[in-house]
């Protein structure tokens, strides 16, 4: 199963990449694709909407934090319900 999760980057300041990764992999493991960027200190978010929607259509499950970030960006408004 594929999950959309945060991958930590940066040593002193916490900066995260939003990645699509196999659920059995560790947090810093090899990702399938980078689909976004999140900086909690400066409150900046950059999301690749077509890539995220594509993974969600294929059945990827976002983690809680990624779900909250996506919800604030309005991704779930663009996702058609079946």
N, C-alpha and C. Protein backbone atom coordinates (compact mmCIF):
# COMPACT_ATOMS: atom_id res chain seq x y z
N UNK A 1 0.84 -1.17 0.00
CA UNK A 1 0.00 0.00 0.00
C UNK A 1 0.90 1.24 0.00
N UNK A 2 0.46 2.25 -0.71
CA UNK A 2 1.20 3.51 -0.81
C UNK A 2 0.60 4.51 0.16
N UNK A 3 1.48 5.26 0.83
CA UNK A 3 1.04 6.31 1.74
C UNK A 3 1.66 7.63 1.33
N UNK A 4 0.94 8.69 1.59
CA UNK A 4 1.47 10.05 1.45
C UNK A 4 1.90 10.47 2.85
N UNK A 5 3.20 10.68 3.03
CA UNK A 5 3.71 10.99 4.36
C UNK A 5 4.79 12.06 4.29
N UNK A 6 5.16 12.56 5.46
CA UNK A 6 6.20 13.59 5.56
C UNK A 6 7.57 12.93 5.67
N UNK A 7 8.54 13.51 5.01
CA UNK A 7 9.93 13.06 5.07
C UNK A 7 10.76 14.25 5.52
N UNK A 8 11.46 14.10 6.63
CA UNK A 8 12.19 15.23 7.21
C UNK A 8 13.44 15.55 6.42
N UNK A 9 13.67 16.85 6.22
CA UNK A 9 14.88 17.37 5.58
C UNK A 9 15.39 18.49 6.47
N UNK A 10 16.66 18.77 6.38
CA UNK A 10 17.23 19.83 7.20
C UNK A 10 17.64 19.32 8.56
N UNK A 11 18.72 19.86 9.08
CA UNK A 11 19.24 19.38 10.36
C UNK A 11 18.70 20.17 11.53
N UNK A 12 18.94 21.48 11.54
CA UNK A 12 18.54 22.28 12.70
C UNK A 12 17.09 22.74 12.60
N UNK A 13 16.69 23.13 11.42
CA UNK A 13 15.31 23.57 11.23
C UNK A 13 14.53 22.45 10.57
N UNK A 14 13.39 22.14 11.15
CA UNK A 14 12.57 21.07 10.61
C UNK A 14 11.86 21.54 9.35
N UNK A 15 12.18 20.92 8.23
CA UNK A 15 11.53 21.16 6.95
C UNK A 15 11.17 19.78 6.42
N UNK A 16 10.00 19.66 5.83
CA UNK A 16 9.52 18.35 5.41
C UNK A 16 9.17 18.34 3.94
N UNK A 17 9.40 17.21 3.30
CA UNK A 17 8.90 16.94 1.96
C UNK A 17 7.70 16.02 2.10
N UNK A 18 6.71 16.24 1.28
CA UNK A 18 5.57 15.34 1.24
C UNK A 18 5.84 14.36 0.10
N UNK A 19 5.89 13.08 0.43
CA UNK A 19 6.29 12.06 -0.53
C UNK A 19 5.27 10.93 -0.58
N UNK A 20 5.23 10.27 -1.71
CA UNK A 20 4.49 9.02 -1.85
C UNK A 20 5.50 7.91 -1.62
N UNK A 21 5.20 7.03 -0.66
CA UNK A 21 6.16 6.02 -0.24
C UNK A 21 5.41 4.75 0.13
N UNK A 22 6.08 3.61 0.00
CA UNK A 22 5.49 2.34 0.40
C UNK A 22 5.28 2.36 1.91
N UNK A 23 4.16 1.85 2.37
CA UNK A 23 3.80 1.92 3.79
C UNK A 23 4.77 1.15 4.67
N UNK A 24 5.44 0.16 4.12
CA UNK A 24 6.36 -0.65 4.93
C UNK A 24 7.74 -0.02 5.06
N UNK A 25 8.01 1.05 4.30
CA UNK A 25 9.31 1.70 4.35
C UNK A 25 9.42 2.61 5.57
N UNK A 26 10.65 2.86 5.99
CA UNK A 26 10.86 3.78 7.11
C UNK A 26 10.67 5.21 6.64
N UNK A 27 10.68 6.14 7.58
CA UNK A 27 10.38 7.54 7.25
C UNK A 27 11.38 8.12 6.27
N UNK A 28 12.65 7.79 6.42
CA UNK A 28 13.69 8.33 5.55
C UNK A 28 14.01 7.39 4.39
N UNK A 29 13.15 6.41 4.14
CA UNK A 29 13.40 5.45 3.07
C UNK A 29 13.23 6.05 1.69
N UNK A 30 13.41 5.21 0.69
CA UNK A 30 13.32 5.66 -0.70
C UNK A 30 11.86 5.90 -1.07
N UNK A 31 11.60 7.07 -1.61
CA UNK A 31 10.23 7.43 -1.97
C UNK A 31 9.95 7.12 -3.43
N UNK A 32 8.66 6.97 -3.73
CA UNK A 32 8.23 6.76 -5.11
C UNK A 32 8.25 8.06 -5.88
N UNK A 33 7.79 9.14 -5.23
CA UNK A 33 7.75 10.44 -5.88
C UNK A 33 7.58 11.54 -4.84
N UNK A 34 8.21 12.65 -5.06
CA UNK A 34 8.05 13.82 -4.20
C UNK A 34 6.85 14.61 -4.72
N UNK A 35 5.88 14.87 -3.85
CA UNK A 35 4.66 15.54 -4.31
C UNK A 35 4.40 16.87 -3.60
N UNK A 36 5.30 17.27 -2.70
CA UNK A 36 5.06 18.54 -2.04
C UNK A 36 6.16 18.89 -1.06
N UNK A 37 5.97 20.03 -0.41
CA UNK A 37 6.95 20.60 0.50
C UNK A 37 6.20 21.31 1.62
N UNK A 38 6.67 21.17 2.87
CA UNK A 38 6.01 21.81 4.02
C UNK A 38 7.06 22.36 4.97
N UNK A 39 6.95 23.64 5.28
CA UNK A 39 7.83 24.30 6.24
C UNK A 39 6.98 24.81 7.39
N UNK A 40 6.97 24.13 8.54
CA UNK A 40 6.11 24.55 9.64
C UNK A 40 6.57 25.83 10.34
N UNK A 41 7.86 26.17 10.24
CA UNK A 41 8.36 27.36 10.91
C UNK A 41 7.86 28.62 10.20
N UNK A 42 7.99 28.65 8.88
CA UNK A 42 7.52 29.80 8.09
C UNK A 42 6.10 29.62 7.60
N UNK A 43 5.49 28.48 7.91
CA UNK A 43 4.12 28.15 7.51
C UNK A 43 3.94 28.25 6.00
N UNK A 44 4.87 27.63 5.26
CA UNK A 44 4.81 27.61 3.81
C UNK A 44 4.50 26.19 3.34
N UNK A 45 3.68 26.10 2.31
CA UNK A 45 3.32 24.81 1.74
C UNK A 45 3.34 24.92 0.23
N UNK A 46 3.93 23.94 -0.41
CA UNK A 46 3.90 23.84 -1.87
C UNK A 46 3.47 22.42 -2.21
N UNK A 47 2.37 22.29 -2.94
CA UNK A 47 1.84 20.97 -3.27
C UNK A 47 1.71 20.82 -4.78
N UNK A 48 2.04 19.63 -5.27
CA UNK A 48 1.86 19.28 -6.67
C UNK A 48 0.48 18.62 -6.76
N UNK A 49 -0.55 19.42 -7.00
CA UNK A 49 -1.92 18.93 -6.96
C UNK A 49 -2.21 17.78 -7.92
N UNK A 50 -1.78 17.85 -9.20
CA UNK A 50 -2.08 16.71 -10.08
C UNK A 50 -1.47 15.41 -9.61
N UNK A 51 -0.26 15.46 -9.06
CA UNK A 51 0.40 14.24 -8.59
C UNK A 51 -0.32 13.69 -7.35
N UNK A 52 -0.71 14.57 -6.43
CA UNK A 52 -1.40 14.11 -5.22
C UNK A 52 -2.76 13.51 -5.58
N UNK A 53 -3.50 14.18 -6.45
CA UNK A 53 -4.80 13.65 -6.86
C UNK A 53 -4.66 12.32 -7.59
N UNK A 54 -3.60 12.15 -8.37
CA UNK A 54 -3.35 10.90 -9.07
C UNK A 54 -3.10 9.76 -8.07
N UNK A 55 -2.28 10.02 -7.06
CA UNK A 55 -2.02 8.99 -6.06
C UNK A 55 -3.26 8.67 -5.23
N UNK A 56 -4.06 9.69 -4.91
CA UNK A 56 -5.28 9.44 -4.15
C UNK A 56 -6.29 8.64 -4.97
N UNK A 57 -6.36 8.90 -6.28
CA UNK A 57 -7.24 8.12 -7.15
C UNK A 57 -6.82 6.66 -7.22
N UNK A 58 -5.52 6.43 -7.12
CA UNK A 58 -5.01 5.06 -7.19
C UNK A 58 -5.09 4.34 -5.85
N UNK A 59 -5.53 5.02 -4.80
CA UNK A 59 -5.75 4.37 -3.52
C UNK A 59 -4.73 4.67 -2.44
N UNK A 60 -3.88 5.67 -2.63
CA UNK A 60 -2.91 6.02 -1.60
C UNK A 60 -3.62 6.61 -0.39
N UNK A 61 -3.10 6.32 0.80
CA UNK A 61 -3.68 6.82 2.04
C UNK A 61 -2.78 7.88 2.63
N UNK A 62 -3.28 9.10 2.86
CA UNK A 62 -2.46 10.13 3.51
C UNK A 62 -2.40 9.89 5.02
N UNK A 63 -1.27 10.24 5.63
CA UNK A 63 -1.18 10.19 7.09
C UNK A 63 -1.99 11.34 7.66
N UNK A 64 -2.13 11.39 8.96
CA UNK A 64 -2.96 12.42 9.60
C UNK A 64 -2.48 13.83 9.31
N UNK A 65 -1.18 14.05 9.42
CA UNK A 65 -0.64 15.40 9.20
C UNK A 65 -0.76 15.80 7.74
N UNK A 66 -0.46 14.89 6.83
CA UNK A 66 -0.58 15.19 5.40
C UNK A 66 -2.05 15.43 5.05
N UNK A 67 -2.95 14.71 5.68
CA UNK A 67 -4.38 14.92 5.44
C UNK A 67 -4.78 16.33 5.86
N UNK A 68 -4.30 16.78 7.02
CA UNK A 68 -4.62 18.13 7.50
C UNK A 68 -4.05 19.20 6.58
N UNK A 69 -2.81 19.02 6.13
CA UNK A 69 -2.18 19.97 5.22
C UNK A 69 -2.95 20.03 3.90
N UNK A 70 -3.35 18.87 3.39
CA UNK A 70 -4.10 18.81 2.14
C UNK A 70 -5.48 19.43 2.28
N UNK A 71 -6.08 19.23 3.44
CA UNK A 71 -7.41 19.78 3.69
C UNK A 71 -7.37 21.31 3.69
N UNK A 72 -6.32 21.89 4.30
CA UNK A 72 -6.18 23.34 4.31
C UNK A 72 -5.97 23.88 2.90
N UNK A 73 -5.31 23.10 2.05
CA UNK A 73 -5.06 23.53 0.67
C UNK A 73 -6.27 23.30 -0.23
N UNK A 74 -7.27 22.59 0.24
CA UNK A 74 -8.49 22.38 -0.54
C UNK A 74 -8.39 21.27 -1.57
N UNK A 75 -7.55 20.29 -1.33
CA UNK A 75 -7.39 19.19 -2.29
C UNK A 75 -8.64 18.32 -2.33
N UNK A 76 -9.27 18.10 -1.18
CA UNK A 76 -10.40 17.18 -1.14
C UNK A 76 -11.66 17.77 -1.77
N UNK A 77 -11.67 19.08 -2.01
CA UNK A 77 -12.77 19.67 -2.76
C UNK A 77 -12.69 19.30 -4.23
N UNK A 78 -11.44 19.09 -4.73
CA UNK A 78 -11.24 18.75 -6.12
C UNK A 78 -11.35 17.26 -6.40
N UNK A 79 -11.34 16.44 -5.33
CA UNK A 79 -11.40 14.99 -5.49
C UNK A 79 -12.85 14.56 -5.61
N UNK A 80 -13.23 13.92 -6.71
CA UNK A 80 -14.62 13.50 -6.87
C UNK A 80 -14.92 12.31 -5.96
N UNK A 81 -16.09 12.34 -5.33
CA UNK A 81 -16.51 11.22 -4.48
C UNK A 81 -17.22 10.18 -5.31
N UNK A 82 -16.97 8.92 -4.99
CA UNK A 82 -17.61 7.82 -5.75
C UNK A 82 -18.90 7.42 -5.10
